[in-house]
Amino acid sequence: MTIRVALAGAGAFGIKHLDALKQIDDVEITSIISRQQDQAEEVARKYGAGHATTDLAETLARDDVDAVILATPTQMHASQSIACMRAGKHVQVEIPLADSWADAQEVARVQQETGLVAMVGHTRRFNPSHQWIHKRIVAGELSIQQMDVQTYFFRRSNMNALGQPRSWTDHLLWHHAAHTVDLFQYQTGERVVVANAVQGPKHPTLGIAMDMSIQLRTDGGKVCTLSLSFNNDGPLGTFFRYICDNGTYLARYDDLVTGKEEPIDVSNVDVSTNGIELQDREFIAAIREGREPNSSVAKVLDCYRVLGELEQQLEAQG
C-alpha cells in the first residue's frame, strides 16, 4: 500500500524528512506547504510532489494525502497537529509537540478521540547510538546511574540549521531540553519526579534565555544534568554521557564511544544510520500496521509535563 505524504515546512528539517522519505518504499510525496509559494513549488518539483501551497488547510482538504509531516515553527505545532487529525490525516510533528503543557495534553486528547497515528520527532529514540544503549538496557546488560548532557549551539542571531535566516525563534527549554527529558525517561524506564532549572539573561532582541541548566531525578533515583547554551563558540550539537553500572558511554549524534573513547560499531543496529530516516520509517510502518509508533504523542507526553513544571520555575525566578 502506498502512503501519500504531505510536508509542511520546507526549511532545513523539512528537507531532511523529504530526503528520508525518498529512501522508503511505497511512499509518495504529494503536497508541499511553505510560507512562500515559490519555495513550495521549487521543493515540490525537486521531490516530485504534484501540489504546492502556502495553506495547510488546502492540503488537508485533498484526498491524495494520507499523512502529514509538520516541520513548521514550534508555536504552530499543537494547533496544526490537531488540524491534521481533525481532517482525518495521520501526523508526525517535529519536536516539540507543543510549547505548553496544556496544549500538549489537548493534542493527546484529540489523538485518543480520533485514533489516528500521531507521532512526535523525538529523534534521539531512533539514533543508532542511543538505540544501542537502549537494547542493552532492555536486555538487562546495563543500568543507567546518571546522564550528563551538553546541548551547545552558537546562535546569537535567528538562523536555522542551514545557516539561513528564519521567521521564528527557537527555544532551549521547549525544543532542545525536550530531547533530553524524553530520552532520560525512555532510557531509564522511570518517571522524573524532581526537576529544577535556572537560566541566564534573556537576549535583548530574540527575547529568549541563551543559557540554561536543568537537573532531573527519577522515582528510581537516576539523575540527569543538562547544560544548554546558544552562546557556545565551539563544537556544536548535543553530547550525551551515559554513566552506567556496567560502563560509561558517550553518544555524539550517530557515533558512540566508551568512556575511554573506544569506538563502538553501531552500523548494524538498524537498517540505516540516519536517525531522521529511522524515525520516518517508524511513522510509515505504524500507519501501515495500524499500531502505535515509538515516540507517539502518548509515549512522549510525560516529557511535556516536566517541561511545564520547569517553565513555572523559570517564570517564578523572573
C-alpha atoms as a PDB file:
ATOM      1  CA  MET A   1       0.000   0.000   0.000  1.00  0.00           C
ATOM      2  CA  THR A   2       1.393   3.403  -0.976  1.00  0.00           C
ATOM      3  CA  ILE A   3       1.309   6.017   1.787  1.00  0.00           C
ATOM      4  CA  ARG A   4       0.788   9.514   0.402  1.00  0.00           C
ATOM      5  CA  VAL A   5       2.552  12.154   2.480  1.00  0.00           C
ATOM      6  CA  ALA A   6       2.400  15.942   2.631  1.00  0.00           C
ATOM      7  CA  LEU A   7       5.182  18.007   4.155  1.00  0.00           C
ATOM      8  CA  ALA A   8       4.552  21.342   5.833  1.00  0.00           C
ATOM      9  CA  GLY A   9       7.648  23.457   6.389  1.00  0.00           C
ATOM     10  CA  ALA A  10      10.225  23.223   3.604  1.00  0.00           C
ATOM     11  CA  GLY A  11      13.139  24.542   5.671  1.00  0.00           C
ATOM     12  CA  ALA A  12      16.241  22.731   6.904  1.00  0.00           C
ATOM     13  CA  PHE A  13      14.462  19.916   8.728  1.00  0.00           C
ATOM     14  CA  GLY A  14      11.695  19.615   6.182  1.00  0.00           C
ATOM     15  CA  ILE A  15      14.313  18.795   3.552  1.00  0.00           C
ATOM     16  CA  LYS A  16      15.814  16.143   5.864  1.00  0.00           C
ATOM     17  CA  HIS A  17      12.407  14.473   6.023  1.00  0.00           C
ATOM     18  CA  LEU A  18      11.914  14.633   2.260  1.00  0.00           C
ATOM     19  CA  ASP A  19      15.319  13.045   1.699  1.00  0.00           C
ATOM     20  CA  ALA A  20      14.443  10.340   4.233  1.00  0.00           C
ATOM     21  CA  LEU A  21      11.047   9.605   2.667  1.00  0.00           C
ATOM     22  CA  LYS A  22      12.777   9.003  -0.673  1.00  0.00           C
ATOM     23  CA  GLN A  23      14.559   6.046   0.965  1.00  0.00           C
ATOM     24  CA  ILE A  24      11.310   4.341   1.990  1.00  0.00           C
ATOM     25  CA  ASP A  25       9.443   2.041  -0.384  1.00  0.00           C
ATOM     26  CA  ASP A  26       5.857   2.793  -1.410  1.00  0.00           C
ATOM     27  CA  VAL A  27       5.810   6.366  -0.136  1.00  0.00           C
ATOM     28  CA  GLU A  28       4.632   9.176  -2.404  1.00  0.00           C
ATOM     29  CA  ILE A  29       5.186  12.854  -1.594  1.00  0.00           C
ATOM     30  CA  THR A  30       2.018  14.557  -2.846  1.00  0.00           C
ATOM     31  CA  SER A  31       1.957  18.079  -1.360  1.00  0.00           C
ATOM     32  CA  ILE A  32       4.412  20.685  -0.100  1.00  0.00           C
ATOM     33  CA  ILE A  33       3.359  23.571   2.154  1.00  0.00           C
ATOM     34  CA  SER A  34       5.685  26.527   2.728  1.00  0.00           C
ATOM     35  CA  ARG A  35       5.405  30.176   3.750  1.00  0.00           C
ATOM     36  CA  GLN A  36       6.416  31.277   0.235  1.00  0.00           C
ATOM     37  CA  GLN A  37       4.634  29.874  -2.805  1.00  0.00           C
ATOM     38  CA  ASP A  38       7.762  29.941  -4.954  1.00  0.00           C
ATOM     39  CA  GLN A  39       9.690  27.927  -2.366  1.00  0.00           C
ATOM     40  CA  ALA A  40       6.841  25.407  -2.088  1.00  0.00           C
ATOM     41  CA  GLU A  41       6.775  24.998  -5.870  1.00  0.00           C
ATOM     42  CA  GLU A  42      10.548  24.626  -6.137  1.00  0.00           C
ATOM     43  CA  VAL A  43      10.662  21.917  -3.450  1.00  0.00           C
ATOM     44  CA  ALA A  44       7.601  20.186  -4.926  1.00  0.00           C
ATOM     45  CA  ARG A  45       9.338  19.980  -8.301  1.00  0.00           C
ATOM     46  CA  LYS A  46      12.508  18.595  -6.783  1.00  0.00           C
ATOM     47  CA  TYR A  47      10.725  15.859  -4.828  1.00  0.00           C
ATOM     48  CA  GLY A  48       8.001  15.017  -7.343  1.00  0.00           C
ATOM     49  CA  ALA A  49       5.010  16.407  -5.464  1.00  0.00           C
ATOM     50  CA  GLY A  50       2.096  17.414  -7.654  1.00  0.00           C
ATOM     51  CA  HIS A  51       0.766  20.116  -5.341  1.00  0.00           C
ATOM     52  CA  ALA A  52       2.334  23.178  -3.690  1.00  0.00           C
ATOM     53  CA  THR A  53       0.667  25.752  -1.473  1.00  0.00           C
ATOM     54  CA  THR A  54       1.090  28.191   1.406  1.00  0.00           C
ATOM     55  CA  ASP A  55      -2.152  26.993   3.040  1.00  0.00           C
ATOM     56  CA  LEU A  56      -2.152  23.845   5.192  1.00  0.00           C
ATOM     57  CA  ALA A  57      -5.967  23.733   5.118  1.00  0.00           C
ATOM     58  CA  GLU A  58      -5.850  23.447   1.323  1.00  0.00           C
ATOM     59  CA  THR A  59      -3.662  20.358   1.623  1.00  0.00           C
ATOM     60  CA  LEU A  60      -5.787  18.835   4.384  1.00  0.00           C
ATOM     61  CA  ALA A  61      -8.837  19.034   2.116  1.00  0.00           C
ATOM     62  CA  ARG A  62      -7.158  16.867  -0.535  1.00  0.00           C
ATOM     63  CA  ASP A  63      -7.953  13.178  -0.942  1.00  0.00           C
ATOM     64  CA  ASP A  64      -4.419  12.293  -2.077  1.00  0.00           C
ATOM     65  CA  VAL A  65      -2.942  12.916   1.383  1.00  0.00           C
ATOM     66  CA  ASP A  66      -2.911  10.129   3.985  1.00  0.00           C
ATOM     67  CA  ALA A  67      -0.407  11.654   6.372  1.00  0.00           C
ATOM     68  CA  VAL A  68       1.316  14.941   7.124  1.00  0.00           C
ATOM     69  CA  ILE A  69       4.793  15.677   8.457  1.00  0.00           C
ATOM     70  CA  LEU A  70       4.985  19.045  10.216  1.00  0.00           C
ATOM     71  CA  ALA A  71       8.396  20.737  10.196  1.00  0.00           C
ATOM     72  CA  THR A  72       6.902  24.139  10.954  1.00  0.00           C
ATOM     73  CA  PRO A  73       7.665  26.714  13.675  1.00  0.00           C
ATOM     74  CA  THR A  74       7.282  25.459  17.243  1.00  0.00           C
ATOM     75  CA  GLN A  75       4.402  27.810  18.012  1.00  0.00           C
ATOM     76  CA  MET A  76       2.258  26.137  15.311  1.00  0.00           C
ATOM     77  CA  HIS A  77       2.871  22.502  16.260  1.00  0.00           C
ATOM     78  CA  ALA A  78      -0.072  21.831  18.571  1.00  0.00           C
ATOM     79  CA  SER A  79      -2.754  23.599  16.541  1.00  0.00           C
ATOM     80  CA  GLN A  80      -1.527  22.147  13.242  1.00  0.00           C
ATOM     81  CA  SER A  81      -1.318  18.619  14.676  1.00  0.00           C
ATOM     82  CA  ILE A  82      -4.920  18.915  15.828  1.00  0.00           C
ATOM     83  CA  ALA A  83      -5.997  20.295  12.437  1.00  0.00           C
ATOM     84  CA  CYS A  84      -4.383  17.315  10.668  1.00  0.00           C
ATOM     85  CA  MET A  85      -6.153  14.786  12.871  1.00  0.00           C
ATOM     86  CA  ARG A  86      -9.476  16.617  12.613  1.00  0.00           C
ATOM     87  CA  ALA A  87      -9.083  16.292   8.825  1.00  0.00           C
ATOM     88  CA  GLY A  88      -8.556  12.530   9.171  1.00  0.00           C
ATOM     89  CA  LYS A  89      -4.804  12.610   8.458  1.00  0.00           C
ATOM     90  CA  HIS A  90      -2.091  10.788  10.375  1.00  0.00           C
ATOM     91  CA  VAL A  91       0.509  13.238  11.622  1.00  0.00           C
ATOM     92  CA  GLN A  92       4.157  13.355  12.599  1.00  0.00           C
ATOM     93  CA  VAL A  93       5.146  16.659  14.146  1.00  0.00           C
ATOM     94  CA  GLU A  94       8.723  17.740  14.666  1.00  0.00           C
ATOM     95  CA  ILE A  95       9.876  18.208  18.239  1.00  0.00           C
ATOM     96  CA  PRO A  96       8.437  19.809  20.316  1.00  0.00           C
ATOM     97  CA  LEU A  97       4.837  18.610  20.367  1.00  0.00           C
ATOM     98  CA  ALA A  98       3.793  21.940  21.905  1.00  0.00           C
ATOM     99  CA  ASP A  99       5.193  24.882  23.824  1.00  0.00           C
ATOM    100  CA  SER A 100       2.861  24.450  26.804  1.00  0.00           C
ATOM    101  CA  TRP A 101       1.696  21.524  28.932  1.00  0.00           C
ATOM    102  CA  ALA A 102      -1.953  22.402  28.321  1.00  0.00           C
ATOM    103  CA  ASP A 103      -1.520  22.319  24.527  1.00  0.00           C
ATOM    104  CA  ALA A 104       0.369  19.022  24.683  1.00  0.00           C
ATOM    105  CA  GLN A 105      -2.489  17.488  26.653  1.00  0.00           C
ATOM    106  CA  GLU A 106      -5.015  18.735  24.112  1.00  0.00           C
ATOM    107  CA  VAL A 107      -3.129  17.126  21.227  1.00  0.00           C
ATOM    108  CA  ALA A 108      -3.086  13.856  23.182  1.00  0.00           C
ATOM    109  CA  ARG A 109      -6.826  14.125  23.790  1.00  0.00           C
ATOM    110  CA  VAL A 110      -7.571  14.608  20.093  1.00  0.00           C
ATOM    111  CA  GLN A 111      -5.344  11.650  19.209  1.00  0.00           C
ATOM    112  CA  GLN A 112      -7.290   9.462  21.618  1.00  0.00           C
ATOM    113  CA  GLU A 113     -10.551  10.752  20.160  1.00  0.00           C
ATOM    114  CA  THR A 114      -9.559  10.129  16.519  1.00  0.00           C
ATOM    115  CA  GLY A 115      -7.422   7.010  16.930  1.00  0.00           C
ATOM    116  CA  LEU A 116      -5.039   8.225  14.221  1.00  0.00           C
ATOM    117  CA  VAL A 117      -1.267   7.754  14.280  1.00  0.00           C
ATOM    118  CA  ALA A 118       0.211  10.841  15.919  1.00  0.00           C
ATOM    119  CA  MET A 119       3.958  10.829  16.428  1.00  0.00           C
ATOM    120  CA  VAL A 120       6.499  13.384  17.633  1.00  0.00           C
ATOM    121  CA  GLY A 121      10.014  13.783  16.210  1.00  0.00           C
ATOM    122  CA  HIS A 122      11.934  12.681  19.288  1.00  0.00           C
ATOM    123  CA  THR A 123      14.837  11.613  17.084  1.00  0.00           C
ATOM    124  CA  ARG A 124      17.103  10.516  19.937  1.00  0.00           C
ATOM    125  CA  ARG A 125      14.924   7.411  20.410  1.00  0.00           C
ATOM    126  CA  PHE A 126      15.912   6.402  16.869  1.00  0.00           C
ATOM    127  CA  ASN A 127      19.584   7.397  16.585  1.00  0.00           C
ATOM    128  CA  PRO A 128      21.609   4.148  16.407  1.00  0.00           C
ATOM    129  CA  SER A 129      23.915   5.300  19.210  1.00  0.00           C
ATOM    130  CA  HIS A 130      21.011   5.630  21.645  1.00  0.00           C
ATOM    131  CA  GLN A 131      19.313   2.515  20.268  1.00  0.00           C
ATOM    132  CA  TRP A 132      22.476   0.532  21.079  1.00  0.00           C
ATOM    133  CA  ILE A 133      22.263   1.716  24.692  1.00  0.00           C
ATOM    134  CA  HIS A 134      18.502   1.062  24.871  1.00  0.00           C
ATOM    135  CA  LYS A 135      18.787  -2.508  23.597  1.00  0.00           C
ATOM    136  CA  ARG A 136      21.421  -3.315  26.220  1.00  0.00           C
ATOM    137  CA  ILE A 137      19.214  -1.824  28.941  1.00  0.00           C
ATOM    138  CA  VAL A 138      16.215  -3.884  27.778  1.00  0.00           C
ATOM    139  CA  ALA A 139      18.429  -6.996  27.727  1.00  0.00           C
ATOM    140  CA  GLY A 140      19.418  -6.330  31.341  1.00  0.00           C
ATOM    141  CA  GLU A 141      23.058  -5.689  30.481  1.00  0.00           C
ATOM    142  CA  LEU A 142      23.131  -2.014  31.514  1.00  0.00           C
ATOM    143  CA  SER A 143      21.503   0.217  34.083  1.00  0.00           C
ATOM    144  CA  ILE A 144      21.913   3.990  33.917  1.00  0.00           C
ATOM    145  CA  GLN A 145      23.089   5.703  37.081  1.00  0.00           C
ATOM    146  CA  GLN A 146      23.464   9.182  35.638  1.00  0.00           C
ATOM    147  CA  MET A 147      23.202  11.038  32.350  1.00  0.00           C
ATOM    148  CA  ASP A 148      25.229  14.194  31.710  1.00  0.00           C
ATOM    149  CA  VAL A 149      24.166  16.072  28.608  1.00  0.00           C
ATOM    150  CA  GLN A 150      25.501  19.174  26.852  1.00  0.00           C
ATOM    151  CA  THR A 151      23.373  20.903  24.208  1.00  0.00           C
ATOM    152  CA  TYR A 152      25.509  23.637  22.702  1.00  0.00           C
ATOM    153  CA  PHE A 153      24.946  25.977  19.764  1.00  0.00           C
ATOM    154  CA  PHE A 154      26.247  29.369  18.675  1.00  0.00           C
ATOM    155  CA  ARG A 155      23.019  31.119  17.753  1.00  0.00           C
ATOM    156  CA  ARG A 156      23.125  34.815  18.586  1.00  0.00           C
ATOM    157  CA  SER A 157      21.054  35.611  15.523  1.00  0.00           C
ATOM    158  CA  ASN A 158      17.914  33.886  14.277  1.00  0.00           C
ATOM    159  CA  MET A 159      19.294  31.228  11.906  1.00  0.00           C
ATOM    160  CA  ASN A 160      18.216  27.704  11.029  1.00  0.00           C
ATOM    161  CA  ALA A 161      20.340  24.540  10.768  1.00  0.00           C
ATOM    162  CA  LEU A 162      21.443  25.551   7.264  1.00  0.00           C
ATOM    163  CA  GLY A 163      22.589  28.988   8.447  1.00  0.00           C
ATOM    164  CA  GLN A 164      19.629  30.730   6.819  1.00  0.00           C
ATOM    165  CA  PRO A 165      17.517  33.451   8.498  1.00  0.00           C
ATOM    166  CA  ARG A 166      14.181  32.244   9.818  1.00  0.00           C
ATOM    167  CA  SER A 167      10.911  33.814  10.869  1.00  0.00           C
ATOM    168  CA  TRP A 168      10.527  32.223  14.316  1.00  0.00           C
ATOM    169  CA  THR A 169      12.578  31.883  17.477  1.00  0.00           C
ATOM    170  CA  ASP A 170      13.975  28.597  18.771  1.00  0.00           C
ATOM    171  CA  HIS A 171      13.750  27.749  22.487  1.00  0.00           C
ATOM    172  CA  LEU A 172      16.221  25.984  24.769  1.00  0.00           C
ATOM    173  CA  LEU A 173      13.524  24.596  27.102  1.00  0.00           C
ATOM    174  CA  TRP A 174      10.628  23.596  24.845  1.00  0.00           C
ATOM    175  CA  HIS A 175      12.744  22.350  21.943  1.00  0.00           C
ATOM    176  CA  HIS A 176      16.260  21.385  22.928  1.00  0.00           C
ATOM    177  CA  ALA A 177      15.633  20.253  26.513  1.00  0.00           C
ATOM    178  CA  ALA A 178      12.682  18.172  25.265  1.00  0.00           C
ATOM    179  CA  HIS A 179      15.101  15.782  23.536  1.00  0.00           C
ATOM    180  CA  THR A 180      16.954  15.023  26.754  1.00  0.00           C
ATOM    181  CA  VAL A 181      13.983  14.983  29.163  1.00  0.00           C
ATOM    182  CA  ASP A 182      12.238  12.419  26.975  1.00  0.00           C
ATOM    183  CA  LEU A 183      15.368  10.353  26.319  1.00  0.00           C
ATOM    184  CA  PHE A 184      16.215  10.230  30.046  1.00  0.00           C
ATOM    185  CA  GLN A 185      12.795   8.801  30.917  1.00  0.00           C
ATOM    186  CA  TYR A 186      12.840   6.468  27.886  1.00  0.00           C
ATOM    187  CA  GLN A 187      16.277   5.042  28.660  1.00  0.00           C
ATOM    188  CA  THR A 188      15.766   4.652  32.400  1.00  0.00           C
ATOM    189  CA  GLY A 189      12.169   3.433  32.095  1.00  0.00           C
ATOM    190  CA  GLU A 190      11.395   5.680  35.054  1.00  0.00           C
ATOM    191  CA  ARG A 191       9.409   8.847  35.687  1.00  0.00           C
ATOM    192  CA  VAL A 192      11.024  12.180  36.535  1.00  0.00           C
ATOM    193  CA  VAL A 193       9.797  13.272  39.976  1.00  0.00           C
ATOM    194  CA  VAL A 194      12.287  16.064  40.745  1.00  0.00           C
ATOM    195  CA  ALA A 195      13.084  18.761  38.170  1.00  0.00           C
ATOM    196  CA  ASN A 196      14.984  22.003  38.723  1.00  0.00           C
ATOM    197  CA  ALA A 197      16.053  24.733  36.290  1.00  0.00           C
ATOM    198  CA  VAL A 198      17.872  28.048  36.213  1.00  0.00           C
ATOM    199  CA  GLN A 199      18.533  30.264  33.216  1.00  0.00           C
ATOM    200  CA  GLY A 200      20.711  33.174  32.246  1.00  0.00           C
ATOM    201  CA  PRO A 201      19.624  36.603  30.969  1.00  0.00           C
ATOM    202  CA  LYS A 202      17.254  36.835  28.009  1.00  0.00           C
ATOM    203  CA  HIS A 203      18.645  38.044  24.703  1.00  0.00           C
ATOM    204  CA  PRO A 204      17.611  41.703  24.136  1.00  0.00           C
ATOM    205  CA  THR A 205      16.437  41.032  20.568  1.00  0.00           C
ATOM    206  CA  LEU A 206      15.444  37.361  20.483  1.00  0.00           C
ATOM    207  CA  GLY A 207      13.668  37.529  23.841  1.00  0.00           C
ATOM    208  CA  ILE A 208      14.807  34.067  24.949  1.00  0.00           C
ATOM    209  CA  ALA A 209      17.304  32.811  27.508  1.00  0.00           C
ATOM    210  CA  MET A 210      20.624  31.939  25.893  1.00  0.00           C
ATOM    211  CA  ASP A 211      21.911  29.709  28.707  1.00  0.00           C
ATOM    212  CA  MET A 212      20.117  27.185  30.908  1.00  0.00           C
ATOM    213  CA  SER A 213      20.894  24.455  33.434  1.00  0.00           C
ATOM    214  CA  ILE A 214      18.492  21.612  34.320  1.00  0.00           C
ATOM    215  CA  GLN A 215      18.629  18.846  36.956  1.00  0.00           C
ATOM    216  CA  LEU A 216      16.356  15.794  36.915  1.00  0.00           C
ATOM    217  CA  ARG A 217      15.828  12.791  39.195  1.00  0.00           C
ATOM    218  CA  THR A 218      13.600   9.795  38.574  1.00  0.00           C
ATOM    219  CA  ASP A 219      11.459   7.920  41.066  1.00  0.00           C
ATOM    220  CA  GLY A 220      14.144   5.186  40.994  1.00  0.00           C
ATOM    221  CA  GLY A 221      16.948   7.595  41.901  1.00  0.00           C
ATOM    222  CA  LYS A 222      18.559   8.066  38.484  1.00  0.00           C
ATOM    223  CA  VAL A 223      19.872  11.598  37.895  1.00  0.00           C
ATOM    224  CA  CYS A 224      20.449  13.762  34.845  1.00  0.00           C
ATOM    225  CA  THR A 225      22.313  17.047  34.456  1.00  0.00           C
ATOM    226  CA  LEU A 226      21.640  19.064  31.309  1.00  0.00           C
ATOM    227  CA  SER A 227      23.548  22.181  30.241  1.00  0.00           C
ATOM    228  CA  LEU A 228      22.202  24.207  27.293  1.00  0.00           C
ATOM    229  CA  SER A 229      23.622  27.253  25.544  1.00  0.00           C
ATOM    230  CA  PHE A 230      23.174  29.342  22.414  1.00  0.00           C
ATOM    231  CA  ASN A 231      26.406  31.177  23.314  1.00  0.00           C
ATOM    232  CA  ASN A 232      28.848  28.307  22.743  1.00  0.00           C
ATOM    233  CA  ASP A 233      31.529  29.091  20.159  1.00  0.00           C
ATOM    234  CA  GLY A 234      32.957  25.591  19.843  1.00  0.00           C
ATOM    235  CA  PRO A 235      31.833  22.073  18.959  1.00  0.00           C
ATOM    236  CA  LEU A 236      28.101  22.317  18.214  1.00  0.00           C
ATOM    237  CA  GLY A 237      25.385  19.778  18.920  1.00  0.00           C
ATOM    238  CA  THR A 238      24.249  17.585  21.789  1.00  0.00           C
ATOM    239  CA  PHE A 239      26.624  15.247  23.575  1.00  0.00           C
ATOM    240  CA  PHE A 240      25.392  12.537  25.942  1.00  0.00           C
ATOM    241  CA  ARG A 241      27.410  10.796  28.636  1.00  0.00           C
ATOM    242  CA  TYR A 242      25.778   7.647  29.972  1.00  0.00           C
ATOM    243  CA  ILE A 243      27.265   6.647  33.311  1.00  0.00           C
ATOM    244  CA  CYS A 244      26.074   3.083  33.891  1.00  0.00           C
ATOM    245  CA  ASP A 245      26.591   0.250  36.350  1.00  0.00           C
ATOM    246  CA  ASN A 246      28.492  -1.566  33.596  1.00  0.00           C
ATOM    247  CA  GLY A 247      30.486   1.008  31.671  1.00  0.00           C
ATOM    248  CA  THR A 248      30.421   4.627  30.571  1.00  0.00           C
ATOM    249  CA  TYR A 249      29.385   5.625  27.049  1.00  0.00           C
ATOM    250  CA  LEU A 250      29.425   8.874  25.075  1.00  0.00           C
ATOM    251  CA  ALA A 251      26.924   9.390  22.271  1.00  0.00           C
ATOM    252  CA  ARG A 252      27.532  12.131  19.725  1.00  0.00           C
ATOM    253  CA  TYR A 253      24.699  12.068  17.204  1.00  0.00           C
ATOM    254  CA  ASP A 254      25.095   8.687  15.471  1.00  0.00           C
ATOM    255  CA  ASP A 255      28.554   7.948  16.893  1.00  0.00           C
ATOM    256  CA  LEU A 256      29.136   6.048  20.133  1.00  0.00           C
ATOM    257  CA  VAL A 257      32.344   5.539  22.127  1.00  0.00           C
ATOM    258  CA  THR A 258      33.209   4.161  25.547  1.00  0.00           C
ATOM    259  CA  GLY A 259      34.314   6.410  28.385  1.00  0.00           C
ATOM    260  CA  LYS A 260      37.860   5.731  27.205  1.00  0.00           C
ATOM    261  CA  GLU A 261      36.975   6.980  23.686  1.00  0.00           C
ATOM    262  CA  GLU A 262      36.979   3.464  22.188  1.00  0.00           C
ATOM    263  CA  PRO A 263      34.656   3.421  19.147  1.00  0.00           C
ATOM    264  CA  ILE A 264      31.581   1.172  19.177  1.00  0.00           C
ATOM    265  CA  ASP A 265      30.235  -0.030  15.840  1.00  0.00           C
ATOM    266  CA  VAL A 266      26.552   0.928  15.581  1.00  0.00           C
ATOM    267  CA  SER A 267      26.275   0.416  11.819  1.00  0.00           C
ATOM    268  CA  ASN A 268      24.226  -2.774  12.227  1.00  0.00           C
ATOM    269  CA  VAL A 269      21.843  -1.530  14.910  1.00  0.00           C
ATOM    270  CA  ASP A 270      19.126  -0.709  12.360  1.00  0.00           C
ATOM    271  CA  VAL A 271      18.503  -0.551   8.605  1.00  0.00           C
ATOM    272  CA  SER A 272      20.042   2.922   8.407  1.00  0.00           C
ATOM    273  CA  THR A 273      22.352   5.116  10.467  1.00  0.00           C
ATOM    274  CA  ASN A 274      20.208   8.195   9.728  1.00  0.00           C
ATOM    275  CA  GLY A 275      18.010   8.953  12.739  1.00  0.00           C
ATOM    276  CA  ILE A 276      15.518  11.029  10.720  1.00  0.00           C
ATOM    277  CA  GLU A 277      15.093   8.209   8.203  1.00  0.00           C
ATOM    278  CA  LEU A 278      14.556   5.675  11.004  1.00  0.00           C
ATOM    279  CA  GLN A 279      12.022   7.995  12.600  1.00  0.00           C
ATOM    280  CA  ASP A 280      10.127   8.357   9.307  1.00  0.00           C
ATOM    281  CA  ARG A 281      10.266   4.607   8.693  1.00  0.00           C
ATOM    282  CA  GLU A 282       8.588   4.078  12.060  1.00  0.00           C
ATOM    283  CA  PHE A 283       5.867   6.609  11.195  1.00  0.00           C
ATOM    284  CA  ILE A 284       5.093   4.925   7.872  1.00  0.00           C
ATOM    285  CA  ALA A 285       5.230   1.431   9.390  1.00  0.00           C
ATOM    286  CA  ALA A 286       2.834   2.407  12.196  1.00  0.00           C
ATOM    287  CA  ILE A 287       0.318   3.701   9.643  1.00  0.00           C
ATOM    288  CA  ARG A 288       0.596   0.536   7.540  1.00  0.00           C
ATOM    289  CA  GLU A 289       0.348  -1.787  10.531  1.00  0.00           C
ATOM    290  CA  GLY A 290      -2.329   0.178  12.397  1.00  0.00           C
ATOM    291  CA  ARG A 291      -0.275   0.386  15.585  1.00  0.00           C
ATOM    292  CA  GLU A 292       1.101   2.953  17.998  1.00  0.00           C
ATOM    293  CA  PRO A 293       4.596   4.116  16.998  1.00  0.00           C
ATOM    294  CA  ASN A 294       7.628   4.625  19.173  1.00  0.00           C
ATOM    295  CA  SER A 295       7.585   8.343  20.153  1.00  0.00           C
ATOM    296  CA  SER A 296       3.802   8.527  19.789  1.00  0.00           C
ATOM    297  CA  VAL A 297       2.144  11.527  21.411  1.00  0.00           C
ATOM    298  CA  ALA A 298       1.050   9.274  24.270  1.00  0.00           C
ATOM    299  CA  LYS A 299       4.546   7.869  24.831  1.00  0.00           C
ATOM    300  CA  VAL A 300       6.324  11.250  24.907  1.00  0.00           C
ATOM    301  CA  LEU A 301       3.585  13.167  26.732  1.00  0.00           C
ATOM    302  CA  ASP A 302       5.176  12.969  30.178  1.00  0.00           C
ATOM    303  CA  CYS A 303       8.198  14.861  28.861  1.00  0.00           C
ATOM    304  CA  TYR A 304       5.956  17.897  28.393  1.00  0.00           C
ATOM    305  CA  ARG A 305       4.639  17.627  31.951  1.00  0.00           C
ATOM    306  CA  VAL A 306       8.231  18.018  33.146  1.00  0.00           C
ATOM    307  CA  LEU A 307       8.894  20.932  30.775  1.00  0.00           C
ATOM    308  CA  GLY A 308       5.734  22.631  32.045  1.00  0.00           C
ATOM    309  CA  GLU A 309       6.950  22.317  35.620  1.00  0.00           C
ATOM    310  CA  LEU A 310      10.359  23.713  34.661  1.00  0.00           C
ATOM    311  CA  GLU A 311       8.767  26.651  32.864  1.00  0.00           C
ATOM    312  CA  GLN A 312       6.811  27.533  36.005  1.00  0.00           C
ATOM    313  CA  GLN A 313      10.048  27.557  37.991  1.00  0.00           C
ATOM    314  CA  LEU A 314      11.801  29.793  35.481  1.00  0.00           C
ATOM    315  CA  GLU A 315       8.873  32.232  35.358  1.00  0.00           C
ATOM    316  CA  ALA A 316       8.883  32.442  39.153  1.00  0.00           C
ATOM    317  CA  GLN A 317      12.583  33.367  39.069  1.00  0.00           C
ATOM    318  CA  GLY A 318      11.773  36.369  36.868  1.00  0.00           C
END
